Structure formats: structure tokens, C-alpha cells
Amino acid sequence: MSIAWSEIYASGLGYDKYLARYGKENQQQRWEAKRSTLSLSPAQKTLLEGFTRKMHVLCMAGAWCGDCVDQCPMFAILEEASPNIEVRFVDRDDCDAEFKEWVMVCGGNRVPVCVFLNEDFQPTGMYGDRTVAKYRNMVENLTGAACSTGISLGTEAQMDSLTTSVLAEWIEQFERNQWIMRTSTRLREKHGD
């Protein structure tokens, strides 16, 4: 399957524009409420500021999705922390069919899913729809027939701890893909480093 990554990326929207176009008022409020609770540690900020390769991140999302509420605002703060991270959102229900098929998780169109692209719009990795910490939390809370909505449940301290873990795991994915780009022989030759 040949996907025109640069075209799909160009069709994506930044965080605020994505929410304005696809989010209803209550969804916009939920995303922004989550974003207001997020912060990076000094070490995380230093790591992200130190990225030297341009990283395009293409995120398939849904403004209505509880997992997107919990995670997509994280991508916005990571983008703000690094001059070399650019995130674009595409709506799951309004995106390129080939892209949608390419990013399936477990045979379904789950969200959010991020595709990491280098400066030349070549994929270096894909990650989503939930992190290991989130899945561990879900498995620990399963009792009988259960269907998670992605909406966080538990005490405030438990949710703060889970959010911190999920954010750290997403940072690891951004870091992993940055190092793939940074150590690429082709890109090192291109940049002379």
C-alpha cells in the first residue's frame, strides 16, 4: 500500500483548529480541561527541547472519544515543548481511507493512533490507541462484562498517577522515534552530523 504521507499530513489540522472543526462545545471543554491539568517535568522539557530532527506526527483522532480526551492534549503540550515536533490531527470519520486502513489496531479503527514521520514524510513508527499503563489500569478494573469508554474512573490521586504514567509513555514513543531519525545514516549524511 502506497500512502501519500505528506498529503495526508497537509490535510491534518493543528490542535486548536481540529477541535474547532470537529469538536462540539462540550467536547472542546473536556479536551481543554484535560490539557489544563498537564505539565512536563524539567527533565521532560529538556529532553523535548533537545530534539534536533524535524518530527511530523500524524494523529488519527475523534473529538468524541474518551481516550482522545485523555491523550491528545498531551500531544499538544509535547509540540509546544519542542521546536522540532509538529502534530497534525485527522478525524477518524473524515480521513483518507488508505490511511485509516493502514493505522488499524487489532482490526479496528481505534483512536488515537499516531504515525511518526521524519522530515521527508517517511514513517518511522506508529503507536496507539492506549499506552501500557492505561491497559494495565483497565485490566485491573475488569469485572465481568465490561466496556471501557476511555473515560478515567477512580480517585483523583489514582487518575493523576495514571495520567503521569500515560504521558511518560507517550514521551518515550516520541523519544524513540526521534532517536530513529537522529541515528538514521541517510539523515546523518544529509545533515552532516
N, C-alpha and C. Protein backbone atom coordinates (compact mmCIF):
# COMPACT_ATOMS: atom_id res chain seq x y z
N MET A 1 0.84 -1.18 0.00
CA MET A 1 0.00 0.00 0.00
C MET A 1 0.89 1.24 0.00
N SER A 2 0.70 2.10 -0.96
CA SER A 2 1.47 3.33 -1.07
C SER A 2 0.61 4.49 -0.59
N ILE A 3 1.05 5.13 0.45
CA ILE A 3 0.29 6.23 1.04
C ILE A 3 1.04 7.53 0.82
N ALA A 4 0.32 8.56 0.43
CA ALA A 4 0.91 9.89 0.23
C ALA A 4 0.94 10.60 1.58
N TRP A 5 1.96 10.26 2.37
CA TRP A 5 2.03 10.76 3.74
C TRP A 5 2.02 12.28 3.82
N SER A 6 2.78 12.92 2.95
CA SER A 6 2.86 14.37 3.02
C SER A 6 1.50 15.01 2.73
N GLU A 7 0.73 14.42 1.83
CA GLU A 7 -0.60 14.95 1.51
C GLU A 7 -1.57 14.75 2.67
N ILE A 8 -1.51 13.58 3.28
CA ILE A 8 -2.41 13.33 4.43
C ILE A 8 -2.03 14.28 5.57
N TYR A 9 -0.72 14.42 5.80
CA TYR A 9 -0.26 15.33 6.85
C TYR A 9 -0.74 16.76 6.56
N ALA A 10 -0.61 17.18 5.31
CA ALA A 10 -1.03 18.53 4.94
C ALA A 10 -2.53 18.74 5.12
N SER A 11 -3.30 17.66 5.03
CA SER A 11 -4.75 17.78 5.22
C SER A 11 -5.13 17.83 6.70
N GLY A 12 -4.18 17.49 7.57
CA GLY A 12 -4.45 17.50 9.00
C GLY A 12 -4.50 18.91 9.56
N LEU A 13 -4.99 19.00 10.76
CA LEU A 13 -5.17 20.29 11.42
C LEU A 13 -4.40 20.32 12.73
N GLY A 14 -3.94 21.50 13.10
CA GLY A 14 -3.35 21.68 14.42
C GLY A 14 -4.40 21.46 15.50
N TYR A 15 -3.95 21.35 16.71
CA TYR A 15 -4.82 21.03 17.86
C TYR A 15 -6.06 21.93 17.93
N ASP A 16 -5.85 23.23 17.99
CA ASP A 16 -6.98 24.16 18.14
C ASP A 16 -7.92 24.13 16.95
N LYS A 17 -7.36 24.10 15.74
CA LYS A 17 -8.20 24.06 14.55
C LYS A 17 -8.96 22.75 14.45
N TYR A 18 -8.33 21.66 14.85
CA TYR A 18 -9.02 20.36 14.84
C TYR A 18 -10.24 20.40 15.77
N LEU A 19 -10.02 20.87 16.99
CA LEU A 19 -11.14 20.95 17.95
C LEU A 19 -12.23 21.89 17.46
N ALA A 20 -11.84 23.02 16.88
CA ALA A 20 -12.84 23.98 16.39
C ALA A 20 -13.68 23.36 15.28
N ARG A 21 -13.06 22.56 14.44
CA ARG A 21 -13.79 21.98 13.31
C ARG A 21 -14.61 20.76 13.71
N TYR A 22 -14.04 19.88 14.52
CA TYR A 22 -14.69 18.58 14.78
C TYR A 22 -15.31 18.44 16.17
N GLY A 23 -14.94 19.29 17.10
CA GLY A 23 -15.45 19.15 18.45
C GLY A 23 -16.68 19.99 18.72
N LYS A 24 -17.66 19.37 19.36
CA LYS A 24 -18.80 20.13 19.86
C LYS A 24 -18.31 20.90 21.08
N GLU A 25 -19.09 21.87 21.51
CA GLU A 25 -18.65 22.72 22.61
C GLU A 25 -18.26 21.92 23.85
N ASN A 26 -19.08 20.94 24.23
CA ASN A 26 -18.77 20.15 25.43
C ASN A 26 -17.51 19.31 25.23
N GLN A 27 -17.25 18.85 24.01
CA GLN A 27 -16.04 18.08 23.72
C GLN A 27 -14.81 18.99 23.79
N GLN A 28 -14.93 20.18 23.24
CA GLN A 28 -13.83 21.15 23.32
C GLN A 28 -13.49 21.45 24.77
N GLN A 29 -14.53 21.58 25.59
CA GLN A 29 -14.32 21.88 27.01
C GLN A 29 -13.62 20.72 27.72
N ARG A 30 -13.98 19.50 27.38
CA ARG A 30 -13.35 18.33 28.00
C ARG A 30 -11.87 18.24 27.61
N TRP A 31 -11.56 18.46 26.34
CA TRP A 31 -10.16 18.43 25.89
C TRP A 31 -9.35 19.51 26.60
N GLU A 32 -9.92 20.71 26.67
CA GLU A 32 -9.20 21.82 27.29
C GLU A 32 -9.07 21.63 28.81
N ALA A 33 -10.09 21.04 29.44
CA ALA A 33 -9.99 20.76 30.87
C ALA A 33 -8.84 19.78 31.14
N LYS A 34 -8.71 18.78 30.30
CA LYS A 34 -7.61 17.82 30.45
C LYS A 34 -6.28 18.51 30.21
N ARG A 35 -6.22 19.30 29.17
CA ARG A 35 -4.96 20.00 28.84
C ARG A 35 -4.50 20.87 30.00
N SER A 36 -5.44 21.50 30.69
CA SER A 36 -5.08 22.40 31.79
C SER A 36 -4.49 21.66 32.98
N THR A 37 -4.65 20.35 33.04
CA THR A 37 -4.10 19.56 34.15
C THR A 37 -2.70 19.02 33.86
N LEU A 38 -2.25 19.18 32.61
CA LEU A 38 -0.99 18.56 32.19
C LEU A 38 0.21 19.48 32.36
N SER A 39 1.31 18.87 32.77
CA SER A 39 2.57 19.61 32.84
C SER A 39 3.72 18.64 32.64
N LEU A 40 4.82 19.18 32.17
CA LEU A 40 6.02 18.39 31.95
C LEU A 40 7.02 18.65 33.07
N SER A 41 7.78 17.63 33.43
CA SER A 41 8.84 17.81 34.41
C SER A 41 10.00 18.56 33.74
N PRO A 42 10.89 19.15 34.52
CA PRO A 42 12.05 19.81 33.92
C PRO A 42 12.86 18.86 33.02
N ALA A 43 13.01 17.62 33.44
CA ALA A 43 13.77 16.65 32.63
C ALA A 43 13.06 16.36 31.31
N GLN A 44 11.74 16.26 31.35
CA GLN A 44 10.97 16.02 30.13
C GLN A 44 11.09 17.22 29.18
N LYS A 45 11.02 18.43 29.73
CA LYS A 45 11.16 19.63 28.91
C LYS A 45 12.54 19.67 28.25
N THR A 46 13.56 19.37 29.02
CA THR A 46 14.92 19.38 28.49
C THR A 46 15.08 18.36 27.37
N LEU A 47 14.53 17.18 27.57
CA LEU A 47 14.59 16.13 26.55
C LEU A 47 13.94 16.61 25.26
N LEU A 48 12.72 17.11 25.35
CA LEU A 48 11.97 17.52 24.17
C LEU A 48 12.61 18.73 23.48
N GLU A 49 13.11 19.67 24.26
CA GLU A 49 13.79 20.85 23.68
C GLU A 49 15.04 20.43 22.92
N GLY A 50 15.63 19.29 23.30
CA GLY A 50 16.87 18.84 22.68
C GLY A 50 16.69 18.06 21.39
N PHE A 51 15.46 17.81 20.98
CA PHE A 51 15.24 17.10 19.72
C PHE A 51 15.80 17.95 18.58
N THR A 52 16.58 17.32 17.70
CA THR A 52 17.20 18.06 16.60
C THR A 52 16.61 17.73 15.24
N ARG A 53 15.91 16.62 15.12
CA ARG A 53 15.32 16.24 13.84
C ARG A 53 13.85 16.67 13.81
N LYS A 54 13.45 17.23 12.68
CA LYS A 54 12.04 17.59 12.48
C LYS A 54 11.21 16.32 12.52
N MET A 55 10.20 16.31 13.35
CA MET A 55 9.32 15.15 13.52
C MET A 55 7.89 15.57 13.22
N HIS A 56 7.32 14.96 12.19
CA HIS A 56 5.91 15.19 11.88
C HIS A 56 5.12 14.06 12.52
N VAL A 57 4.11 14.41 13.29
CA VAL A 57 3.28 13.41 13.95
C VAL A 57 1.86 13.56 13.42
N LEU A 58 1.36 12.49 12.85
CA LEU A 58 0.02 12.48 12.27
C LEU A 58 -0.87 11.64 13.18
N CYS A 59 -1.85 12.28 13.79
CA CYS A 59 -2.70 11.60 14.76
C CYS A 59 -4.13 11.46 14.24
N MET A 60 -4.58 10.20 14.13
CA MET A 60 -5.99 9.96 13.82
C MET A 60 -6.74 10.00 15.15
N ALA A 61 -7.76 10.83 15.21
CA ALA A 61 -8.46 11.07 16.46
C ALA A 61 -9.96 11.19 16.24
N GLY A 62 -10.67 11.32 17.34
CA GLY A 62 -12.10 11.60 17.33
C GLY A 62 -12.39 12.53 18.50
N ALA A 63 -12.96 13.67 18.25
CA ALA A 63 -13.22 14.64 19.31
C ALA A 63 -14.15 14.07 20.38
N TRP A 64 -14.97 13.11 20.00
CA TRP A 64 -15.95 12.47 20.88
C TRP A 64 -15.34 11.39 21.77
N CYS A 65 -14.12 10.98 21.48
CA CYS A 65 -13.51 9.79 22.09
C CYS A 65 -12.89 10.09 23.45
N GLY A 66 -13.25 9.31 24.46
CA GLY A 66 -12.69 9.47 25.80
C GLY A 66 -11.19 9.28 25.85
N ASP A 67 -10.67 8.31 25.09
CA ASP A 67 -9.22 8.11 25.06
C ASP A 67 -8.51 9.29 24.41
N CYS A 68 -9.16 9.92 23.43
CA CYS A 68 -8.58 11.12 22.80
C CYS A 68 -8.61 12.29 23.77
N VAL A 69 -9.68 12.41 24.54
CA VAL A 69 -9.74 13.45 25.57
C VAL A 69 -8.56 13.30 26.51
N ASP A 70 -8.27 12.08 26.91
CA ASP A 70 -7.19 11.81 27.86
C ASP A 70 -5.80 11.98 27.27
N GLN A 71 -5.63 11.72 25.96
CA GLN A 71 -4.28 11.67 25.41
C GLN A 71 -3.92 12.77 24.41
N CYS A 72 -4.83 13.18 23.57
CA CYS A 72 -4.49 14.16 22.53
C CYS A 72 -4.00 15.49 23.09
N PRO A 73 -4.52 15.98 24.22
CA PRO A 73 -3.93 17.20 24.78
C PRO A 73 -2.46 17.03 25.15
N MET A 74 -2.06 15.79 25.43
CA MET A 74 -0.64 15.52 25.71
C MET A 74 0.21 15.84 24.50
N PHE A 75 -0.29 15.49 23.32
CA PHE A 75 0.48 15.74 22.10
C PHE A 75 0.65 17.25 21.88
N ALA A 76 -0.35 18.02 22.27
CA ALA A 76 -0.26 19.47 22.13
C ALA A 76 0.83 20.04 23.02
N ILE A 77 0.95 19.55 24.26
CA ILE A 77 1.99 20.10 25.14
C ILE A 77 3.38 19.62 24.73
N LEU A 78 3.47 18.44 24.12
CA LEU A 78 4.76 17.96 23.62
C LEU A 78 5.19 18.82 22.44
N GLU A 79 4.24 19.15 21.57
CA GLU A 79 4.55 20.02 20.43
C GLU A 79 5.01 21.40 20.91
N GLU A 80 4.36 21.92 21.93
CA GLU A 80 4.74 23.23 22.47
C GLU A 80 6.14 23.22 23.07
N ALA A 81 6.57 22.06 23.57
CA ALA A 81 7.85 21.95 24.25
C ALA A 81 9.04 21.80 23.30
N SER A 82 8.78 21.46 22.05
CA SER A 82 9.87 21.21 21.12
C SER A 82 9.67 21.95 19.81
N PRO A 83 10.69 22.69 19.37
CA PRO A 83 10.57 23.35 18.07
C PRO A 83 10.60 22.37 16.90
N ASN A 84 10.93 21.11 17.17
CA ASN A 84 11.04 20.13 16.09
C ASN A 84 9.92 19.09 16.06
N ILE A 85 8.88 19.31 16.83
CA ILE A 85 7.70 18.43 16.79
C ILE A 85 6.55 19.21 16.19
N GLU A 86 5.94 18.65 15.16
CA GLU A 86 4.73 19.24 14.58
C GLU A 86 3.66 18.15 14.52
N VAL A 87 2.55 18.39 15.19
CA VAL A 87 1.46 17.42 15.26
C VAL A 87 0.29 17.91 14.42
N ARG A 88 -0.28 17.00 13.64
CA ARG A 88 -1.49 17.29 12.88
C ARG A 88 -2.50 16.20 13.17
N PHE A 89 -3.74 16.62 13.34
CA PHE A 89 -4.83 15.70 13.65
C PHE A 89 -5.72 15.52 12.43
N VAL A 90 -6.11 14.28 12.18
CA VAL A 90 -7.12 13.96 11.17
C VAL A 90 -8.24 13.24 11.89
N ASP A 91 -9.45 13.51 11.48
CA ASP A 91 -10.61 12.91 12.13
C ASP A 91 -10.85 11.50 11.59
N ARG A 92 -11.05 10.56 12.48
CA ARG A 92 -11.24 9.17 12.08
C ARG A 92 -12.38 9.00 11.09
N ASP A 93 -13.43 9.77 11.27
CA ASP A 93 -14.61 9.61 10.42
C ASP A 93 -14.57 10.48 9.16
N ASP A 94 -13.47 11.22 8.97
CA ASP A 94 -13.37 12.13 7.83
C ASP A 94 -11.94 12.15 7.29
N CYS A 95 -11.36 10.94 7.14
CA CYS A 95 -9.96 10.91 6.68
C CYS A 95 -9.79 9.94 5.52
N ASP A 96 -8.61 9.99 4.92
CA ASP A 96 -8.23 9.15 3.80
C ASP A 96 -8.44 7.67 4.14
N ALA A 97 -9.13 6.94 3.28
CA ALA A 97 -9.47 5.54 3.53
C ALA A 97 -8.23 4.66 3.65
N GLU A 98 -7.22 4.91 2.80
CA GLU A 98 -5.99 4.10 2.87
C GLU A 98 -5.26 4.34 4.19
N PHE A 99 -5.21 5.59 4.61
CA PHE A 99 -4.58 5.91 5.90
C PHE A 99 -5.32 5.21 7.03
N LYS A 100 -6.61 5.30 7.00
CA LYS A 100 -7.45 4.69 8.02
C LYS A 100 -7.21 3.18 8.11
N GLU A 101 -7.07 2.55 6.96
CA GLU A 101 -6.80 1.11 6.92
C GLU A 101 -5.39 0.82 7.44
N TRP A 102 -4.44 1.66 7.10
CA TRP A 102 -3.05 1.44 7.48
C TRP A 102 -2.86 1.50 8.99
N VAL A 103 -3.64 2.35 9.68
CA VAL A 103 -3.43 2.54 11.11
C VAL A 103 -4.39 1.73 11.99
N MET A 104 -5.02 0.74 11.42
CA MET A 104 -5.91 -0.11 12.23
C MET A 104 -5.13 -0.75 13.37
N VAL A 105 -5.79 -0.87 14.51
CA VAL A 105 -5.22 -1.54 15.67
C VAL A 105 -6.15 -2.70 16.00
N CYS A 106 -5.60 -3.91 15.98
CA CYS A 106 -6.37 -5.11 16.29
C CYS A 106 -7.60 -5.23 15.39
N GLY A 107 -7.44 -4.83 14.13
CA GLY A 107 -8.51 -4.96 13.15
C GLY A 107 -9.58 -3.89 13.22
N GLY A 108 -9.36 -2.85 14.03
CA GLY A 108 -10.37 -1.80 14.16
C GLY A 108 -9.77 -0.41 14.03
N ASN A 109 -10.62 0.54 13.79
CA ASN A 109 -10.19 1.94 13.67
C ASN A 109 -10.25 2.63 15.03
N ARG A 110 -9.34 2.24 15.88
CA ARG A 110 -9.26 2.82 17.22
C ARG A 110 -8.57 4.18 17.17
N VAL A 111 -8.85 4.98 18.15
CA VAL A 111 -8.22 6.30 18.25
C VAL A 111 -7.86 6.58 19.70
N PRO A 112 -6.84 7.37 19.95
CA PRO A 112 -5.95 7.99 18.99
C PRO A 112 -4.84 7.02 18.54
N VAL A 113 -4.42 7.19 17.32
CA VAL A 113 -3.27 6.47 16.78
C VAL A 113 -2.37 7.50 16.12
N CYS A 114 -1.09 7.46 16.47
CA CYS A 114 -0.12 8.40 15.92
C CYS A 114 0.84 7.67 14.98
N VAL A 115 1.10 8.29 13.85
CA VAL A 115 2.13 7.84 12.93
C VAL A 115 3.22 8.90 12.98
N PHE A 116 4.44 8.44 13.25
CA PHE A 116 5.60 9.33 13.33
C PHE A 116 6.28 9.34 11.98
N LEU A 117 6.51 10.54 11.46
CA LEU A 117 7.10 10.73 10.14
C LEU A 117 8.35 11.59 10.26
N ASN A 118 9.38 11.25 9.50
CA ASN A 118 10.58 12.07 9.53
C ASN A 118 10.37 13.33 8.69
N GLU A 119 11.42 14.11 8.54
CA GLU A 119 11.31 15.38 7.82
C GLU A 119 10.92 15.21 6.36
N ASP A 120 11.17 14.02 5.80
CA ASP A 120 10.82 13.72 4.42
C ASP A 120 9.49 12.96 4.32
N PHE A 121 8.74 12.93 5.41
CA PHE A 121 7.43 12.29 5.49
C PHE A 121 7.51 10.78 5.26
N GLN A 122 8.58 10.18 5.74
CA GLN A 122 8.69 8.72 5.73
C GLN A 122 8.36 8.22 7.13
N PRO A 123 7.53 7.18 7.25
CA PRO A 123 7.15 6.68 8.57
C PRO A 123 8.34 6.08 9.33
N THR A 124 8.40 6.38 10.61
CA THR A 124 9.38 5.75 11.49
C THR A 124 8.71 4.89 12.55
N GLY A 125 7.41 5.07 12.74
CA GLY A 125 6.71 4.26 13.72
C GLY A 125 5.26 4.65 13.85
N MET A 126 4.53 3.80 14.55
CA MET A 126 3.11 4.03 14.81
C MET A 126 2.84 3.58 16.24
N TYR A 127 1.97 4.30 16.94
CA TYR A 127 1.63 3.93 18.31
C TYR A 127 0.21 4.39 18.62
N GLY A 128 -0.51 3.58 19.35
CA GLY A 128 -1.87 3.92 19.79
C GLY A 128 -2.59 2.63 20.10
N ASP A 129 -3.68 2.59 20.56
CA ASP A 129 -4.64 3.58 20.92
C ASP A 129 -4.58 3.93 22.40
N ARG A 130 -3.97 3.07 23.16
CA ARG A 130 -3.75 3.34 24.58
C ARG A 130 -2.33 2.89 24.93
N THR A 131 -1.81 3.43 26.01
CA THR A 131 -0.48 3.03 26.46
C THR A 131 -0.58 1.81 27.37
N VAL A 132 0.57 1.25 27.71
CA VAL A 132 0.62 0.08 28.59
C VAL A 132 0.01 0.41 29.95
N ALA A 133 0.32 1.59 30.49
CA ALA A 133 -0.22 1.97 31.80
C ALA A 133 -1.74 2.00 31.78
N LYS A 134 -2.31 2.54 30.71
CA LYS A 134 -3.77 2.59 30.59
C LYS A 134 -4.35 1.19 30.49
N TYR A 135 -3.73 0.32 29.68
CA TYR A 135 -4.23 -1.05 29.58
C TYR A 135 -4.09 -1.79 30.90
N ARG A 136 -3.00 -1.61 31.61
CA ARG A 136 -2.86 -2.25 32.93
C ARG A 136 -3.98 -1.82 33.85
N ASN A 137 -4.26 -0.51 33.85
CA ASN A 137 -5.33 0.03 34.68
C ASN A 137 -6.68 -0.59 34.31
N MET A 138 -6.93 -0.73 33.01
CA MET A 138 -8.19 -1.29 32.55
C MET A 138 -8.31 -2.76 32.97
N VAL A 139 -7.23 -3.52 32.81
CA VAL A 139 -7.27 -4.94 33.17
C VAL A 139 -7.48 -5.11 34.67
N GLU A 140 -6.84 -4.27 35.47
CA GLU A 140 -7.00 -4.33 36.92
C GLU A 140 -8.44 -4.06 37.34
N ASN A 141 -9.16 -3.28 36.54
CA ASN A 141 -10.52 -2.89 36.89
C ASN A 141 -11.61 -3.71 36.20
N LEU A 142 -11.21 -4.70 35.42
CA LEU A 142 -12.21 -5.53 34.75
C LEU A 142 -12.91 -6.44 35.75
N THR A 143 -14.21 -6.43 35.69
CA THR A 143 -15.01 -7.36 36.48
C THR A 143 -16.21 -7.74 35.64
N GLY A 144 -16.24 -8.99 35.21
CA GLY A 144 -17.36 -9.42 34.37
C GLY A 144 -17.32 -8.75 33.03
N ALA A 145 -18.48 -8.59 32.43
CA ALA A 145 -18.57 -7.93 31.12
C ALA A 145 -18.33 -6.45 31.33
N ALA A 146 -17.34 -5.93 30.60
CA ALA A 146 -17.00 -4.52 30.76
C ALA A 146 -16.67 -3.93 29.40
N CYS A 147 -17.01 -2.69 29.25
CA CYS A 147 -16.67 -1.97 28.02
C CYS A 147 -16.21 -0.59 28.42
N SER A 148 -14.92 -0.36 28.29
CA SER A 148 -14.38 0.93 28.68
C SER A 148 -14.78 2.02 27.68
N THR A 149 -15.10 3.17 28.22
CA THR A 149 -15.39 4.32 27.38
C THR A 149 -14.15 5.17 27.18
N GLY A 150 -13.07 4.78 27.89
CA GLY A 150 -11.87 5.59 27.84
C GLY A 150 -11.90 6.73 28.83
N ILE A 151 -13.04 6.94 29.46
CA ILE A 151 -13.17 8.00 30.45
C ILE A 151 -12.58 7.51 31.76
N SER A 152 -11.70 8.30 32.34
CA SER A 152 -10.98 7.90 33.53
C SER A 152 -11.92 7.74 34.72
N LEU A 153 -11.76 6.63 35.43
CA LEU A 153 -12.52 6.37 36.63
C LEU A 153 -11.55 6.07 37.76
N GLY A 154 -11.88 6.46 38.98
CA GLY A 154 -11.00 6.21 40.11
C GLY A 154 -10.85 7.48 40.91
N THR A 155 -10.02 7.38 41.98
CA THR A 155 -9.79 8.55 42.81
C THR A 155 -8.96 9.56 42.05
N GLU A 156 -8.96 10.78 42.52
CA GLU A 156 -8.19 11.83 41.86
C GLU A 156 -6.70 11.48 41.87
N ALA A 157 -6.20 10.95 42.99
CA ALA A 157 -4.79 10.57 43.08
C ALA A 157 -4.46 9.45 42.10
N GLN A 158 -5.36 8.48 41.97
CA GLN A 158 -5.14 7.39 41.02
C GLN A 158 -5.11 7.92 39.58
N MET A 159 -6.01 8.83 39.27
CA MET A 159 -6.06 9.38 37.91
C MET A 159 -4.85 10.25 37.63
N ASP A 160 -4.38 11.02 38.63
CA ASP A 160 -3.17 11.82 38.46
C ASP A 160 -1.98 10.91 38.19
N SER A 161 -1.89 9.81 38.92
CA SER A 161 -0.80 8.85 38.73
C SER A 161 -0.89 8.20 37.35
N LEU A 162 -2.09 7.83 36.93
CA LEU A 162 -2.28 7.21 35.62
C LEU A 162 -1.92 8.21 34.53
N THR A 163 -2.38 9.44 34.65
CA THR A 163 -2.07 10.47 33.65
C THR A 163 -0.56 10.68 33.55
N THR A 164 0.11 10.74 34.68
CA THR A 164 1.57 10.91 34.68
C THR A 164 2.25 9.76 33.96
N SER A 165 1.77 8.54 34.21
CA SER A 165 2.35 7.35 33.56
C SER A 165 2.08 7.35 32.06
N VAL A 166 0.85 7.68 31.67
CA VAL A 166 0.49 7.70 30.25
C VAL A 166 1.31 8.76 29.52
N LEU A 167 1.45 9.93 30.11
CA LEU A 167 2.24 10.98 29.49
C LEU A 167 3.69 10.54 29.33
N ALA A 168 4.25 9.91 30.35
CA ALA A 168 5.64 9.43 30.27
C ALA A 168 5.80 8.40 29.16
N GLU A 169 4.80 7.53 29.00
CA GLU A 169 4.89 6.51 27.94
C GLU A 169 4.78 7.14 26.55
N TRP A 170 3.97 8.17 26.41
CA TRP A 170 3.91 8.85 25.11
C TRP A 170 5.23 9.57 24.83
N ILE A 171 5.81 10.18 25.85
CA ILE A 171 7.10 10.84 25.66
C ILE A 171 8.14 9.82 25.20
N GLU A 172 8.10 8.62 25.76
CA GLU A 172 9.02 7.56 25.33
C GLU A 172 8.84 7.23 23.85
N GLN A 173 7.61 7.25 23.38
CA GLN A 173 7.37 6.97 21.95
C GLN A 173 7.91 8.11 21.07
N PHE A 174 7.69 9.33 21.50
CA PHE A 174 8.24 10.47 20.76
C PHE A 174 9.77 10.39 20.77
N GLU A 175 10.34 10.08 21.93
CA GLU A 175 11.79 9.98 22.04
C GLU A 175 12.33 8.85 21.16
N ARG A 176 11.69 7.69 21.20
CA ARG A 176 12.14 6.55 20.39
C ARG A 176 12.20 6.92 18.91
N ASN A 177 11.15 7.57 18.44
CA ASN A 177 11.12 7.95 17.02
C ASN A 177 12.12 9.05 16.70
N GLN A 178 12.36 9.96 17.64
CA GLN A 178 13.39 10.97 17.44
C GLN A 178 14.76 10.31 17.29
N TRP A 179 15.03 9.30 18.10
CA TRP A 179 16.33 8.64 18.02
C TRP A 179 16.45 7.81 16.75
N ILE A 180 15.35 7.26 16.27
CA ILE A 180 15.38 6.58 14.96
C ILE A 180 15.81 7.58 13.89
N MET A 181 15.23 8.77 13.95
CA MET A 181 15.56 9.81 12.96
C MET A 181 16.99 10.32 13.16
N ARG A 182 17.37 10.52 14.41
CA ARG A 182 18.69 11.09 14.72
C ARG A 182 19.82 10.15 14.31
N THR A 183 19.61 8.85 14.42
CA THR A 183 20.67 7.88 14.11
C THR A 183 20.58 7.34 12.69
N SER A 184 19.60 7.77 11.92
CA SER A 184 19.46 7.33 10.54
C SER A 184 20.71 7.72 9.74
N THR A 185 21.33 6.73 9.11
CA THR A 185 22.51 7.00 8.30
C THR A 185 22.19 8.02 7.20
N ARG A 186 21.06 7.83 6.54
CA ARG A 186 20.68 8.74 5.46
C ARG A 186 20.53 10.17 5.95
N LEU A 187 19.84 10.34 7.09
CA LEU A 187 19.64 11.70 7.61
C LEU A 187 20.92 12.28 8.17
N ARG A 188 21.77 11.46 8.74
CA ARG A 188 23.06 11.96 9.24
C ARG A 188 23.93 12.45 8.09
N GLU A 189 23.90 11.71 6.98
CA GLU A 189 24.65 12.17 5.81
C GLU A 189 24.06 13.46 5.27
N LYS A 190 22.74 13.53 5.22
CA LYS A 190 22.06 14.72 4.71
C LYS A 190 22.41 15.97 5.53
N HIS A 191 22.48 15.80 6.86
CA HIS A 191 22.73 16.94 7.75
C HIS A 191 24.19 17.09 8.15
N GLY A 192 25.02 16.14 7.75
CA GLY A 192 26.44 16.23 8.08
C GLY A 192 26.73 16.10 9.56
N ASP A 193 25.95 15.29 10.23
CA ASP A 193 26.18 15.11 11.67
C ASP A 193 26.25 13.64 12.05
